[in-house]
């Protein structure tokens, strides 16, 4: 496989739960905090559980490292979308 055909997993260095990501997004969008709803027991078998991205392979191939913290990047993205006219 050539470098152009490689698949990379890109992520930051912060370990964040889905709940933390939801709270950050809600805060930045000036929305109420999300409610925590436990995963239904009967669907537990399809729950992936924890997930962590590691950019080491991409870093090794390109030298890139994340420099923007998650909340700052999320805020930048949100402001970019908010600035676009409605379709």
PDB file of N, CA and C in Angstrom:
ATOM      1  N   UNK A   1       0.857  -1.180   0.000  1.00  0.00           N
ATOM      2  CA  UNK A   1       0.000   0.000   0.000  1.00  0.00           C
ATOM      3  C   UNK A   1       0.896   1.235   0.000  1.00  0.00           C
ATOM      4  N   UNK A   2       0.633   2.137  -0.915  1.00  0.00           N
ATOM      5  CA  UNK A   2       1.422   3.359  -0.982  1.00  0.00           C
ATOM      6  C   UNK A   2       0.949   4.330   0.096  1.00  0.00           C
ATOM      7  N   UNK A   3       1.792   5.312   0.458  1.00  0.00           N
ATOM      8  CA  UNK A   3       1.352   6.298   1.466  1.00  0.00           C
ATOM      9  C   UNK A   3       0.061   7.006   1.075  1.00  0.00           C
ATOM     10  N   UNK A   4      -0.167   7.212  -0.224  1.00  0.00           N
ATOM     11  CA  UNK A   4      -1.389   7.884  -0.673  1.00  0.00           C
ATOM     12  C   UNK A   4      -2.624   7.041  -0.426  1.00  0.00           C
ATOM     13  N   UNK A   5      -2.444   5.727  -0.299  1.00  0.00           N
ATOM     14  CA  UNK A   5      -3.574   4.818  -0.103  1.00  0.00           C
ATOM     15  C   UNK A   5      -3.789   4.443   1.363  1.00  0.00           C
ATOM     16  N   UNK A   6      -2.947   4.922   2.236  1.00  0.00           N
ATOM     17  CA  UNK A   6      -3.061   4.555   3.648  1.00  0.00           C
ATOM     18  C   UNK A   6      -4.277   5.206   4.281  1.00  0.00           C
ATOM     19  N   UNK A   7      -4.803   4.543   5.267  1.00  0.00           N
ATOM     20  CA  UNK A   7      -5.929   5.071   6.040  1.00  0.00           C
ATOM     21  C   UNK A   7      -5.376   5.508   7.387  1.00  0.00           C
ATOM     22  N   UNK A   8      -5.707   6.728   7.781  1.00  0.00           N
ATOM     23  CA  UNK A   8      -5.203   7.273   9.035  1.00  0.00           C
ATOM     24  C   UNK A   8      -6.356   7.590   9.977  1.00  0.00           C
ATOM     25  N   UNK A   9      -6.105   7.421  11.251  1.00  0.00           N
ATOM     26  CA  UNK A   9      -7.028   7.774  12.310  1.00  0.00           C
ATOM     27  C   UNK A   9      -6.522   9.095  12.885  1.00  0.00           C
ATOM     28  N   UNK A  10      -7.309  10.145  12.777  1.00  0.00           N
ATOM     29  CA  UNK A  10      -6.873  11.464  13.223  1.00  0.00           C
ATOM     30  C   UNK A  10      -7.675  11.872  14.456  1.00  0.00           C
ATOM     31  N   UNK A  11      -6.977  12.340  15.455  1.00  0.00           N
ATOM     32  CA  UNK A  11      -7.636  12.802  16.664  1.00  0.00           C
ATOM     33  C   UNK A  11      -6.690  13.655  17.474  1.00  0.00           C
ATOM     34  N   UNK A  12      -7.216  14.235  18.495  1.00  0.00           N
ATOM     35  CA  UNK A  12      -6.403  15.058  19.374  1.00  0.00           C
ATOM     36  C   UNK A  12      -5.832  14.240  20.509  1.00  0.00           C
ATOM     37  N   UNK A  13      -5.100  14.912  21.365  1.00  0.00           N
ATOM     38  CA  UNK A  13      -4.464  14.227  22.486  1.00  0.00           C
ATOM     39  C   UNK A  13      -5.341  14.198  23.742  1.00  0.00           C
ATOM     40  N   UNK A  14      -6.486  14.869  23.700  1.00  0.00           N
ATOM     41  CA  UNK A  14      -7.368  14.910  24.864  1.00  0.00           C
ATOM     42  C   UNK A  14      -8.281  13.681  24.894  1.00  0.00           C
ATOM     43  N   UNK A  15      -8.428  13.096  26.063  1.00  0.00           N
ATOM     44  CA  UNK A  15      -9.373  12.002  26.247  1.00  0.00           C
ATOM     45  C   UNK A  15     -10.688  12.599  26.708  1.00  0.00           C
ATOM     46  N   UNK A  16     -11.713  12.513  25.874  1.00  0.00           N
ATOM     47  CA  UNK A  16     -13.008  13.096  26.188  1.00  0.00           C
ATOM     48  C   UNK A  16     -14.091  12.040  26.067  1.00  0.00           C
ATOM     49  N   UNK A  17     -15.012  12.055  27.005  1.00  0.00           N
ATOM     50  CA  UNK A  17     -16.155  11.160  26.913  1.00  0.00           C
ATOM     51  C   UNK A  17     -17.183  11.784  25.966  1.00  0.00           C
ATOM     52  N   UNK A  18     -18.125  10.976  25.507  1.00  0.00           N
ATOM     53  CA  UNK A  18     -19.197  11.496  24.664  1.00  0.00           C
ATOM     54  C   UNK A  18     -19.964  12.576  25.431  1.00  0.00           C
ATOM     55  N   UNK A  19     -20.168  12.367  26.723  1.00  0.00           N
ATOM     56  CA  UNK A  19     -20.858  13.362  27.542  1.00  0.00           C
ATOM     57  C   UNK A  19     -20.099  14.676  27.608  1.00  0.00           C
ATOM     58  N   UNK A  20     -18.768  14.613  27.744  1.00  0.00           N
ATOM     59  CA  UNK A  20     -17.967  15.835  27.771  1.00  0.00           C
ATOM     60  C   UNK A  20     -18.043  16.573  26.439  1.00  0.00           C
ATOM     61  N   UNK A  21     -17.991  15.825  25.347  1.00  0.00           N
ATOM     62  CA  UNK A  21     -18.102  16.445  24.030  1.00  0.00           C
ATOM     63  C   UNK A  21     -19.460  17.125  23.884  1.00  0.00           C
ATOM     64  N   UNK A  22     -20.525  16.455  24.329  1.00  0.00           N
ATOM     65  CA  UNK A  22     -21.870  17.038  24.257  1.00  0.00           C
ATOM     66  C   UNK A  22     -21.970  18.296  25.114  1.00  0.00           C
ATOM     67  N   UNK A  23     -21.389  18.272  26.310  1.00  0.00           N
ATOM     68  CA  UNK A  23     -21.432  19.455  27.177  1.00  0.00           C
ATOM     69  C   UNK A  23     -20.653  20.621  26.576  1.00  0.00           C
ATOM     70  N   UNK A  24     -19.489  20.334  25.995  1.00  0.00           N
ATOM     71  CA  UNK A  24     -18.697  21.391  25.349  1.00  0.00           C
ATOM     72  C   UNK A  24     -19.479  21.995  24.194  1.00  0.00           C
ATOM     73  N   UNK A  25     -20.058  21.143  23.345  1.00  0.00           N
ATOM     74  CA  UNK A  25     -20.835  21.629  22.212  1.00  0.00           C
ATOM     75  C   UNK A  25     -22.022  22.460  22.654  1.00  0.00           C
ATOM     76  N   UNK A  26     -22.716  21.999  23.663  1.00  0.00           N
ATOM     77  CA  UNK A  26     -23.880  22.741  24.168  1.00  0.00           C
ATOM     78  C   UNK A  26     -23.472  24.097  24.725  1.00  0.00           C
ATOM     79  N   UNK A  27     -22.392  24.115  25.488  1.00  0.00           N
ATOM     80  CA  UNK A  27     -21.922  25.375  26.074  1.00  0.00           C
ATOM     81  C   UNK A  27     -21.529  26.360  24.983  1.00  0.00           C
ATOM     82  N   UNK A  28     -20.770  25.892  23.987  1.00  0.00           N
ATOM     83  CA  UNK A  28     -20.321  26.777  22.916  1.00  0.00           C
ATOM     84  C   UNK A  28     -21.465  27.267  22.041  1.00  0.00           C
ATOM     85  N   UNK A  29     -22.513  26.468  21.910  1.00  0.00           N
ATOM     86  CA  UNK A  29     -23.680  26.854  21.108  1.00  0.00           C
ATOM     87  C   UNK A  29     -24.717  27.603  21.946  1.00  0.00           C
ATOM     88  N   UNK A  30     -24.401  27.829  23.215  1.00  0.00           N
ATOM     89  CA  UNK A  30     -25.303  28.528  24.133  1.00  0.00           C
ATOM     90  C   UNK A  30     -26.637  27.788  24.257  1.00  0.00           C
ATOM     91  N   UNK A  31     -26.537  26.483  24.388  1.00  0.00           N
ATOM     92  CA  UNK A  31     -27.717  25.633  24.550  1.00  0.00           C
ATOM     93  C   UNK A  31     -27.708  25.017  25.942  1.00  0.00           C
ATOM     94  N   UNK A  32     -28.853  24.528  26.414  1.00  0.00           N
ATOM     95  CA  UNK A  32     -28.882  23.872  27.717  1.00  0.00           C
ATOM     96  C   UNK A  32     -27.972  22.635  27.732  1.00  0.00           C
ATOM     97  N   UNK A  33     -27.497  22.308  28.901  1.00  0.00           N
ATOM     98  CA  UNK A  33     -26.673  21.104  29.036  1.00  0.00           C
ATOM     99  C   UNK A  33     -27.477  19.885  28.613  1.00  0.00           C
ATOM    100  N   UNK A  34     -26.829  18.945  27.948  1.00  0.00           N
ATOM    101  CA  UNK A  34     -27.561  17.748  27.519  1.00  0.00           C
ATOM    102  C   UNK A  34     -27.926  16.872  28.714  1.00  0.00           C
ATOM    103  N   UNK A  35     -29.019  16.159  28.570  1.00  0.00           N
ATOM    104  CA  UNK A  35     -29.438  15.214  29.609  1.00  0.00           C
ATOM    105  C   UNK A  35     -28.729  13.889  29.375  1.00  0.00           C
ATOM    106  N   UNK A  36     -28.340  13.244  30.448  1.00  0.00           N
ATOM    107  CA  UNK A  36     -27.714  11.931  30.326  1.00  0.00           C
ATOM    108  C   UNK A  36     -28.809  10.876  30.353  1.00  0.00           C
ATOM    109  N   UNK A  37     -28.857  10.081  29.300  1.00  0.00           N
ATOM    110  CA  UNK A  37     -29.822   8.993  29.219  1.00  0.00           C
ATOM    111  C   UNK A  37     -29.021   7.702  29.113  1.00  0.00           C
ATOM    112  N   UNK A  38     -29.137   6.824  30.092  1.00  0.00           N
ATOM    113  CA  UNK A  38     -28.356   5.583  30.047  1.00  0.00           C
ATOM    114  C   UNK A  38     -28.647   4.770  28.778  1.00  0.00           C
ATOM    115  N   UNK A  39     -27.623   4.104  28.281  1.00  0.00           N
ATOM    116  CA  UNK A  39     -27.765   3.264  27.102  1.00  0.00           C
ATOM    117  C   UNK A  39     -28.717   2.131  27.444  1.00  0.00           C
ATOM    118  N   UNK A  40     -29.729   1.862  26.602  1.00  0.00           N
ATOM    119  CA  UNK A  40     -30.695   0.804  26.904  1.00  0.00           C
ATOM    120  C   UNK A  40     -30.011  -0.562  27.046  1.00  0.00           C
ATOM    121  N   UNK A  41     -30.342  -1.269  28.087  1.00  0.00           N
ATOM    122  CA  UNK A  41     -29.736  -2.568  28.363  1.00  0.00           C
ATOM    123  C   UNK A  41     -29.859  -3.553  27.226  1.00  0.00           C
ATOM    124  N   UNK A  42     -31.019  -3.564  26.551  1.00  0.00           N
ATOM    125  CA  UNK A  42     -31.226  -4.530  25.468  1.00  0.00           C
ATOM    126  C   UNK A  42     -30.361  -4.213  24.248  1.00  0.00           C
ATOM    127  N   UNK A  43     -29.800  -3.007  24.188  1.00  0.00           N
ATOM    128  CA  UNK A  43     -28.934  -2.645  23.065  1.00  0.00           C
ATOM    129  C   UNK A  43     -27.455  -2.621  23.462  1.00  0.00           C
ATOM    130  N   UNK A  44     -27.163  -3.056  24.651  1.00  0.00           N
ATOM    131  CA  UNK A  44     -25.794  -3.033  25.163  1.00  0.00           C
ATOM    132  C   UNK A  44     -24.821  -3.782  24.255  1.00  0.00           C
ATOM    133  N   UNK A  45     -25.297  -4.822  23.597  1.00  0.00           N
ATOM    134  CA  UNK A  45     -24.427  -5.633  22.751  1.00  0.00           C
ATOM    135  C   UNK A  45     -23.863  -4.837  21.574  1.00  0.00           C
ATOM    136  N   UNK A  46     -24.529  -3.756  21.156  1.00  0.00           N
ATOM    137  CA  UNK A  46     -24.023  -2.977  20.029  1.00  0.00           C
ATOM    138  C   UNK A  46     -23.251  -1.744  20.481  1.00  0.00           C
ATOM    139  N   UNK A  47     -23.149  -1.510  21.773  1.00  0.00           N
ATOM    140  CA  UNK A  47     -22.414  -0.370  22.310  1.00  0.00           C
ATOM    141  C   UNK A  47     -20.921  -0.611  22.102  1.00  0.00           C
ATOM    142  N   UNK A  48     -20.225   0.341  21.480  1.00  0.00           N
ATOM    143  CA  UNK A  48     -18.795   0.152  21.258  1.00  0.00           C
ATOM    144  C   UNK A  48     -17.972   0.426  22.509  1.00  0.00           C
ATOM    145  N   UNK A  49     -18.584   1.000  23.518  1.00  0.00           N
ATOM    146  CA  UNK A  49     -17.840   1.307  24.731  1.00  0.00           C
ATOM    147  C   UNK A  49     -16.925   2.495  24.510  1.00  0.00           C
ATOM    148  N   UNK A  50     -15.747   2.448  25.071  1.00  0.00           N
ATOM    149  CA  UNK A  50     -14.799   3.549  24.942  1.00  0.00           C
ATOM    150  C   UNK A  50     -14.109   3.519  23.585  1.00  0.00           C
ATOM    151  N   UNK A  51     -13.729   4.689  23.116  1.00  0.00           N
ATOM    152  CA  UNK A  51     -13.008   4.813  21.859  1.00  0.00           C
ATOM    153  C   UNK A  51     -11.990   5.926  22.024  1.00  0.00           C
ATOM    154  N   UNK A  52     -10.803   5.682  21.568  1.00  0.00           N
ATOM    155  CA  UNK A  52      -9.735   6.668  21.684  1.00  0.00           C
ATOM    156  C   UNK A  52      -9.022   6.767  20.346  1.00  0.00           C
ATOM    157  N   UNK A  53      -8.885   7.976  19.829  1.00  0.00           N
ATOM    158  CA  UNK A  53      -8.152   8.144  18.579  1.00  0.00           C
ATOM    159  C   UNK A  53      -6.678   8.340  18.877  1.00  0.00           C
ATOM    160  N   UNK A  54      -5.863   7.842  17.994  1.00  0.00           N
ATOM    161  CA  UNK A  54      -4.420   7.986  18.131  1.00  0.00           C
ATOM    162  C   UNK A  54      -3.864   8.404  16.780  1.00  0.00           C
ATOM    163  N   UNK A  55      -3.231   9.544  16.733  1.00  0.00           N
ATOM    164  CA  UNK A  55      -2.702  10.079  15.485  1.00  0.00           C
ATOM    165  C   UNK A  55      -1.238   9.718  15.267  1.00  0.00           C
ATOM    166  N   UNK A  56      -0.713   8.791  16.046  1.00  0.00           N
ATOM    167  CA  UNK A  56       0.718   8.465  15.958  1.00  0.00           C
ATOM    168  C   UNK A  56       1.129   8.033  14.553  1.00  0.00           C
ATOM    169  N   UNK A  57       0.328   7.228  13.902  1.00  0.00           N
ATOM    170  CA  UNK A  57       0.662   6.749  12.555  1.00  0.00           C
ATOM    171  C   UNK A  57       0.720   7.922  11.569  1.00  0.00           C
ATOM    172  N   UNK A  58      -0.242   8.827  11.658  1.00  0.00           N
ATOM    173  CA  UNK A  58      -0.252   9.999  10.787  1.00  0.00           C
ATOM    174  C   UNK A  58       0.932  10.901  11.114  1.00  0.00           C
ATOM    175  N   UNK A  59       1.219  11.074  12.394  1.00  0.00           N
ATOM    176  CA  UNK A  59       2.363  11.877  12.820  1.00  0.00           C
ATOM    177  C   UNK A  59       3.659  11.291  12.273  1.00  0.00           C
ATOM    178  N   UNK A  60       3.810   9.973  12.359  1.00  0.00           N
ATOM    179  CA  UNK A  60       5.013   9.325  11.838  1.00  0.00           C
ATOM    180  C   UNK A  60       5.163   9.553  10.338  1.00  0.00           C
ATOM    181  N   UNK A  61       4.047   9.542   9.613  1.00  0.00           N
ATOM    182  CA  UNK A  61       4.088   9.672   8.158  1.00  0.00           C
ATOM    183  C   UNK A  61       4.252  11.115   7.693  1.00  0.00           C
ATOM    184  N   UNK A  62       3.753  12.080   8.492  1.00  0.00           N
ATOM    185  CA  UNK A  62       3.717  13.462   8.013  1.00  0.00           C
ATOM    186  C   UNK A  62       4.388  14.479   8.927  1.00  0.00           C
ATOM    187  N   UNK A  63       4.568  14.140  10.194  1.00  0.00           N
ATOM    188  CA  UNK A  63       5.107  15.093  11.156  1.00  0.00           C
ATOM    189  C   UNK A  63       4.047  15.978  11.786  1.00  0.00           C
ATOM    190  N   UNK A  64       2.774  15.820  11.370  1.00  0.00           N
ATOM    191  CA  UNK A  64       1.682  16.639  11.897  1.00  0.00           C
ATOM    192  C   UNK A  64       1.350  16.246  13.335  1.00  0.00           C
ATOM    193  N   UNK A  65       1.068  17.243  14.150  1.00  0.00           N
ATOM    194  CA  UNK A  65       0.553  17.015  15.500  1.00  0.00           C
ATOM    195  C   UNK A  65      -0.576  18.011  15.745  1.00  0.00           C
ATOM    196  N   UNK A  66      -1.599  17.617  16.497  1.00  0.00           N
ATOM    197  CA  UNK A  66      -2.684  18.564  16.784  1.00  0.00           C
ATOM    198  C   UNK A  66      -2.174  19.699  17.672  1.00  0.00           C
ATOM    199  N   UNK A  67      -2.541  20.928  17.331  1.00  0.00           N
ATOM    200  CA  UNK A  67      -2.114  22.087  18.115  1.00  0.00           C
ATOM    201  C   UNK A  67      -3.275  22.846  18.727  1.00  0.00           C
ATOM    202  N   UNK A  68      -4.487  22.554  18.281  1.00  0.00           N
ATOM    203  CA  UNK A  68      -5.675  23.277  18.746  1.00  0.00           C
ATOM    204  C   UNK A  68      -6.452  22.372  19.693  1.00  0.00           C
ATOM    205  N   UNK A  69      -6.696  22.806  20.912  1.00  0.00           N
ATOM    206  CA  UNK A  69      -7.493  21.992  21.844  1.00  0.00           C
ATOM    207  C   UNK A  69      -8.899  21.751  21.282  1.00  0.00           C
ATOM    208  N   UNK A  70      -9.510  20.666  21.692  1.00  0.00           N
ATOM    209  CA  UNK A  70     -10.810  20.264  21.168  1.00  0.00           C
ATOM    210  C   UNK A  70     -11.843  21.384  21.251  1.00  0.00           C
ATOM    211  N   UNK A  71     -12.015  21.973  22.434  1.00  0.00           N
ATOM    212  CA  UNK A  71     -13.061  22.996  22.609  1.00  0.00           C
ATOM    213  C   UNK A  71     -12.819  24.194  21.694  1.00  0.00           C
ATOM    214  N   UNK A  72     -11.578  24.589  21.523  1.00  0.00           N
ATOM    215  CA  UNK A  72     -11.286  25.717  20.632  1.00  0.00           C
ATOM    216  C   UNK A  72     -11.608  25.361  19.176  1.00  0.00           C
ATOM    217  N   UNK A  73     -11.227  24.175  18.743  1.00  0.00           N
ATOM    218  CA  UNK A  73     -11.527  23.738  17.386  1.00  0.00           C
ATOM    219  C   UNK A  73     -13.017  23.596  17.151  1.00  0.00           C
ATOM    220  N   UNK A  74     -13.725  23.054  18.139  1.00  0.00           N
ATOM    221  CA  UNK A  74     -15.178  22.921  18.043  1.00  0.00           C
ATOM    222  C   UNK A  74     -15.805  24.302  17.907  1.00  0.00           C
ATOM    223  N   UNK A  75     -15.345  25.253  18.720  1.00  0.00           N
ATOM    224  CA  UNK A  75     -15.868  26.615  18.654  1.00  0.00           C
ATOM    225  C   UNK A  75     -15.597  27.271  17.310  1.00  0.00           C
ATOM    226  N   UNK A  76     -14.401  27.065  16.772  1.00  0.00           N
ATOM    227  CA  UNK A  76     -14.081  27.615  15.454  1.00  0.00           C
ATOM    228  C   UNK A  76     -15.012  27.037  14.390  1.00  0.00           C
ATOM    229  N   UNK A  77     -15.206  25.735  14.441  1.00  0.00           N
ATOM    230  CA  UNK A  77     -16.089  25.086  13.463  1.00  0.00           C
ATOM    231  C   UNK A  77     -17.512  25.612  13.592  1.00  0.00           C
ATOM    232  N   UNK A  78     -17.995  25.719  14.821  1.00  0.00           N
ATOM    233  CA  UNK A  78     -19.351  26.197  15.063  1.00  0.00           C
ATOM    234  C   UNK A  78     -19.528  27.621  14.517  1.00  0.00           C
ATOM    235  N   UNK A  79     -18.581  28.491  14.803  1.00  0.00           N
ATOM    236  CA  UNK A  79     -18.679  29.880  14.318  1.00  0.00           C
ATOM    237  C   UNK A  79     -18.633  29.932  12.791  1.00  0.00           C
ATOM    238  N   UNK A  80     -17.844  29.054  12.193  1.00  0.00           N
ATOM    239  CA  UNK A  80     -17.767  29.005  10.730  1.00  0.00           C
ATOM    240  C   UNK A  80     -19.117  28.632  10.127  1.00  0.00           C
ATOM    241  N   UNK A  81     -19.760  27.614  10.701  1.00  0.00           N
ATOM    242  CA  UNK A  81     -21.082  27.210  10.204  1.00  0.00           C
ATOM    243  C   UNK A  81     -22.146  28.266  10.480  1.00  0.00           C
ATOM    244  N   UNK A  82     -22.050  28.918  11.626  1.00  0.00           N
ATOM    245  CA  UNK A  82     -23.034  29.954  11.963  1.00  0.00           C
ATOM    246  C   UNK A  82     -22.914  31.147  11.024  1.00  0.00           C
ATOM    247  N   UNK A  83     -21.721  31.411  10.502  1.00  0.00           N
ATOM    248  CA  UNK A  83     -21.497  32.556   9.631  1.00  0.00           C
ATOM    249  C   UNK A  83     -21.998  32.301   8.209  1.00  0.00           C
ATOM    250  N   UNK A  84     -22.277  31.065   7.853  1.00  0.00           N
ATOM    251  CA  UNK A  84     -22.748  30.744   6.506  1.00  0.00           C
ATOM    252  C   UNK A  84     -24.232  31.048   6.380  1.00  0.00           C
ATOM    253  N   UNK A  85     -24.626  31.559   5.213  1.00  0.00           N
ATOM    254  CA  UNK A  85     -26.060  31.809   5.020  1.00  0.00           C
ATOM    255  C   UNK A  85     -26.829  30.486   4.974  1.00  0.00           C
ATOM    256  N   UNK A  86     -28.067  30.534   5.419  1.00  0.00           N
ATOM    257  CA  UNK A  86     -28.919  29.335   5.395  1.00  0.00           C
ATOM    258  C   UNK A  86     -29.157  28.910   3.950  1.00  0.00           C
ATOM    259  N   UNK A  87     -29.169  27.607   3.739  1.00  0.00           N
ATOM    260  CA  UNK A  87     -29.368  27.093   2.376  1.00  0.00           C
ATOM    261  C   UNK A  87     -30.821  27.146   1.981  1.00  0.00           C
TER     262      UNK A  87
END
